[in-house]
Amino acid sequence: MDFILKGDFAYSLDRCQIKTVQNGYLVCVNGLTEGIWTEIPERYALLPLLDYSGKLIIPGMTDLHSQALSSSIGRASMSARI
């Protein structure tokens, strides 16, 4: 499925750098991300647009649950008595 997502993006350039794009467009073609731009490239202009303006989109295969458990803060909060 090909489509464009509109929203605010945060993604990693590498394991030490996070890039953010506000009011950006992510283009997905054949299930793969083609890129994230501040304007829709003309060659993708006819793709369906899903508007998530004001929402944070974190593209990629990220399991935030396991990441929280691997940090010292996550382990401390998960082991705290309630």
C-alpha atoms as a PDB file:
ATOM      1  CA  MET A   1       0.000   0.000   0.000  1.00  0.00           C
ATOM      2  CA  ASP A   2       1.297   3.444  -0.921  1.00  0.00           C
ATOM      3  CA  PHE A   3       0.406   6.503   1.161  1.00  0.00           C
ATOM      4  CA  ILE A   4       1.634   9.711   2.781  1.00  0.00           C
ATOM      5  CA  LEU A   5       1.518  10.432   6.517  1.00  0.00           C
ATOM      6  CA  LYS A   6       1.396  14.055   7.647  1.00  0.00           C
ATOM      7  CA  GLY A   7       2.479  14.856  11.198  1.00  0.00           C
ATOM      8  CA  ASP A   8       5.428  15.503  13.501  1.00  0.00           C
ATOM      9  CA  PHE A   9       8.224  12.955  13.153  1.00  0.00           C
ATOM     10  CA  ALA A  10      11.081  11.785  15.370  1.00  0.00           C
ATOM     11  CA  TYR A  11      13.483   9.159  14.079  1.00  0.00           C
ATOM     12  CA  SER A  12      17.074   8.087  14.572  1.00  0.00           C
ATOM     13  CA  LEU A  13      19.804   8.902  12.080  1.00  0.00           C
ATOM     14  CA  ASP A  14      22.057   6.519  13.979  1.00  0.00           C
ATOM     15  CA  ARG A  15      22.271   5.215  17.554  1.00  0.00           C
ATOM     16  CA  CYS A  16      23.359   8.636  18.879  1.00  0.00           C
ATOM     17  CA  GLN A  17      21.328  11.133  16.806  1.00  0.00           C
ATOM     18  CA  ILE A  18      17.598  11.829  16.728  1.00  0.00           C
ATOM     19  CA  LYS A  19      16.102  13.992  13.972  1.00  0.00           C
ATOM     20  CA  THR A  20      12.762  15.742  14.298  1.00  0.00           C
ATOM     21  CA  VAL A  21      10.558  17.183  11.566  1.00  0.00           C
ATOM     22  CA  GLN A  22       7.490  19.251  12.447  1.00  0.00           C
ATOM     23  CA  ASN A  23       4.575  19.311  10.002  1.00  0.00           C
ATOM     24  CA  GLY A  24       6.347  16.858   7.753  1.00  0.00           C
ATOM     25  CA  TYR A  25       5.338  14.206   5.259  1.00  0.00           C
ATOM     26  CA  LEU A  26       6.435  10.578   5.313  1.00  0.00           C
ATOM     27  CA  VAL A  27       6.017   8.758   2.008  1.00  0.00           C
ATOM     28  CA  CYS A  28       5.482   4.998   2.088  1.00  0.00           C
ATOM     29  CA  VAL A  29       5.737   3.012  -1.172  1.00  0.00           C
ATOM     30  CA  ASN A  30       5.349  -0.777  -1.289  1.00  0.00           C
ATOM     31  CA  GLY A  31       5.496  -0.896   2.508  1.00  0.00           C
ATOM     32  CA  LEU A  32       8.828   0.940   2.725  1.00  0.00           C
ATOM     33  CA  THR A  33       9.590   4.492   3.791  1.00  0.00           C
ATOM     34  CA  GLU A  34      10.853   6.523   0.850  1.00  0.00           C
ATOM     35  CA  GLY A  35      11.689   9.535   3.016  1.00  0.00           C
ATOM     36  CA  ILE A  36      10.439  12.346   5.203  1.00  0.00           C
ATOM     37  CA  TRP A  37      10.106  15.842   3.759  1.00  0.00           C
ATOM     38  CA  THR A  38       8.752  19.257   4.746  1.00  0.00           C
ATOM     39  CA  GLU A  39       6.846  19.356   1.430  1.00  0.00           C
ATOM     40  CA  ILE A  40       5.400  16.496  -0.596  1.00  0.00           C
ATOM     41  CA  PRO A  41       7.689  15.735  -3.542  1.00  0.00           C
ATOM     42  CA  GLU A  42       5.782  16.189  -6.804  1.00  0.00           C
ATOM     43  CA  ARG A  43       6.271  12.563  -7.875  1.00  0.00           C
ATOM     44  CA  TYR A  44       4.213  11.431  -4.845  1.00  0.00           C
ATOM     45  CA  ALA A  45       1.526  14.135  -5.000  1.00  0.00           C
ATOM     46  CA  LEU A  46      -1.276  11.750  -6.045  1.00  0.00           C
ATOM     47  CA  LEU A  47      -0.798   9.283  -3.170  1.00  0.00           C
ATOM     48  CA  PRO A  48      -3.511   9.207  -0.464  1.00  0.00           C
ATOM     49  CA  LEU A  49      -2.734  11.493   2.477  1.00  0.00           C
ATOM     50  CA  LEU A  50      -3.413  10.453   6.089  1.00  0.00           C
ATOM     51  CA  ASP A  51      -3.413  13.646   8.165  1.00  0.00           C
ATOM     52  CA  TYR A  52      -2.110  13.264  11.719  1.00  0.00           C
ATOM     53  CA  SER A  53      -1.235  16.940  12.183  1.00  0.00           C
ATOM     54  CA  GLY A  54      -0.175  17.682  15.737  1.00  0.00           C
ATOM     55  CA  LYS A  55       0.540  14.005  16.427  1.00  0.00           C
ATOM     56  CA  LEU A  56       3.990  12.515  17.015  1.00  0.00           C
ATOM     57  CA  ILE A  57       4.914   9.739  14.590  1.00  0.00           C
ATOM     58  CA  ILE A  58       7.948   7.563  15.321  1.00  0.00           C
ATOM     59  CA  PRO A  59       8.566   5.499  12.190  1.00  0.00           C
ATOM     60  CA  GLY A  60      10.424   2.229  12.341  1.00  0.00           C
ATOM     61  CA  MET A  61      10.306  -0.973  14.256  1.00  0.00           C
ATOM     62  CA  THR A  62      10.505   0.368  17.796  1.00  0.00           C
ATOM     63  CA  ASP A  63       9.320  -1.512  20.857  1.00  0.00           C
ATOM     64  CA  LEU A  64       9.106   1.265  23.435  1.00  0.00           C
ATOM     65  CA  HIS A  65       8.019  -1.182  26.128  1.00  0.00           C
ATOM     66  CA  SER A  66      11.244  -3.171  26.070  1.00  0.00           C
ATOM     67  CA  GLN A  67      13.333   0.003  25.836  1.00  0.00           C
ATOM     68  CA  ALA A  68      11.803   1.349  29.036  1.00  0.00           C
ATOM     69  CA  LEU A  69      12.591  -1.872  30.875  1.00  0.00           C
ATOM     70  CA  SER A  70      16.238  -1.820  29.797  1.00  0.00           C
ATOM     71  CA  SER A  71      16.957   1.573  31.371  1.00  0.00           C
ATOM     72  CA  SER A  72      17.807   2.010  35.042  1.00  0.00           C
ATOM     73  CA  ILE A  73      14.794   4.311  35.454  1.00  0.00           C
ATOM     74  CA  GLY A  74      12.503   1.724  33.840  1.00  0.00           C
ATOM     75  CA  ARG A  75      13.830  -1.075  36.042  1.00  0.00           C
ATOM     76  CA  ALA A  76      13.457   1.047  39.183  1.00  0.00           C
ATOM     77  CA  SER A  77       9.876   2.047  38.403  1.00  0.00           C
ATOM     78  CA  MET A  78       8.881  -1.497  37.374  1.00  0.00           C
ATOM     79  CA  SER A  79      10.222  -2.954  40.601  1.00  0.00           C
ATOM     80  CA  ALA A  80       8.716  -0.291  42.910  1.00  0.00           C
ATOM     81  CA  ARG A  81       6.034  -1.443  45.316  1.00  0.00           C
ATOM     82  CA  ILE A  82       2.662   0.162  44.766  1.00  0.00           C
END
